[in-house]
Structures are given as C-alpha cells and as structure tokens.
Amino acid sequence: MTEYTIVIEDAGSNFSAYVLGLDGCISTGKTVEEVTENMREALEFHLEGMRLHGDKLPEQMPIVKTVQVAS
C-alpha cells in the first residue's frame, strides 16, 4: 500500500482534486468525501495505465509541510 498526498480545492459548484507529484491525475466531486473517493479511483486507474505503458512510477513523493505567518 502506498500513500499519495492529494490537494482538494473548492471549485465553486463542486470540489476538485489532484495528486502532488503525479501530473495528470485529477478528479472532481460534489463533496469532500466524494472527491476523495473519486480521487482514489482515478489514482488507481492512472497508476494502472502507467504500468501498462511501461512508465516508471514515482519513487519519491513531495514532502508537504505547513508554516505559520502573521496575517
């Protein structure tokens, strides 16, 4: 099992998501829960396609941190 970091953004009428460090894998959904599940399915499909085409799967994913700044 491999973990991937996804970013979920409010797109106005729905939510959109993409995978950090894995270009081209995106999804949408009406709720955060729906876009998360849709993203899981999209990611599985995307990785399967990469394997079938002989593409190298990403070995090291980005490190994600948060920082605090005065606002």
Protein backbone atom coordinates (compact mmCIF):
# COMPACT_ATOMS: atom_id res chain seq x y z
CA MET A 1 0.00 0.00 0.00
CA THR A 2 1.37 3.41 -0.99
CA GLU A 3 0.10 6.75 0.28
CA TYR A 4 -0.29 9.71 -2.04
CA THR A 5 -0.97 13.29 -1.00
CA ILE A 6 -3.94 14.90 -2.70
CA VAL A 7 -4.92 18.55 -2.74
CA ILE A 8 -8.63 19.34 -2.64
CA GLU A 9 -9.85 22.77 -3.72
CA ASP A 10 -13.28 24.39 -3.64
CA ALA A 11 -14.21 24.94 -7.29
CA GLY A 12 -17.41 26.86 -6.57
CA SER A 13 -20.12 24.40 -7.56
CA ASN A 14 -18.03 21.32 -6.64
CA PHE A 15 -14.60 20.25 -5.38
CA SER A 16 -11.58 19.35 -7.48
CA ALA A 17 -8.51 17.35 -6.51
CA TYR A 18 -5.09 16.49 -7.84
CA VAL A 19 -2.12 14.41 -6.71
CA LEU A 20 1.06 16.17 -5.64
CA GLY A 21 3.99 14.94 -7.72
CA LEU A 22 1.87 13.00 -10.22
CA ASP A 23 0.86 15.20 -13.13
CA GLY A 24 -2.36 14.48 -14.98
CA CYS A 25 -4.25 12.66 -12.23
CA ILE A 26 -7.28 14.77 -11.31
CA SER A 27 -10.89 14.33 -10.22
CA THR A 28 -13.97 16.20 -9.04
CA GLY A 29 -16.91 15.62 -6.71
CA LYS A 30 -19.85 17.38 -5.10
CA THR A 31 -18.47 16.92 -1.57
CA VAL A 32 -15.03 16.48 0.01
CA GLU A 33 -15.88 12.84 0.70
CA GLU A 34 -16.99 12.25 -2.90
CA VAL A 35 -13.94 13.89 -4.45
CA THR A 36 -11.69 11.90 -2.10
CA GLU A 37 -13.24 8.60 -3.19
CA ASN A 38 -13.23 9.67 -6.84
CA MET A 39 -9.56 10.61 -6.49
CA ARG A 40 -8.73 7.18 -5.06
CA GLU A 41 -10.36 5.55 -8.09
CA ALA A 42 -8.68 7.97 -10.52
CA LEU A 43 -5.30 7.33 -8.93
CA GLU A 44 -5.67 3.55 -9.18
CA PHE A 45 -6.67 3.91 -12.85
CA HIS A 46 -3.82 6.35 -13.57
CA LEU A 47 -1.19 4.09 -11.98
CA GLU A 48 -2.54 1.04 -13.82
CA GLY A 49 -2.24 2.93 -17.11
CA MET A 50 1.33 3.93 -16.27
CA ARG A 51 2.22 0.30 -15.57
CA LEU A 52 0.60 -0.90 -18.81
CA HIS A 53 2.56 1.68 -20.82
CA GLY A 54 5.82 0.81 -19.09
CA ASP A 55 6.10 4.21 -17.44
CA LYS A 56 8.16 4.47 -14.29
CA LEU A 57 6.05 5.05 -11.19
CA PRO A 58 7.15 7.90 -8.93
CA GLU A 59 9.55 6.64 -6.28
CA GLN A 60 9.68 9.67 -4.04
CA MET A 61 6.74 11.92 -3.42
CA PRO A 62 6.95 15.56 -2.33
CA ILE A 63 7.28 16.46 1.32
CA VAL A 64 4.36 18.61 2.43
CA LYS A 65 4.59 20.91 5.44
CA THR A 66 2.65 23.86 6.76
CA VAL A 67 4.10 27.07 8.10
CA GLN A 68 2.55 29.83 10.15
CA VAL A 69 2.88 33.51 9.23
CA ALA A 70 1.43 36.65 10.70
CA SER A 71 -1.69 37.74 8.86
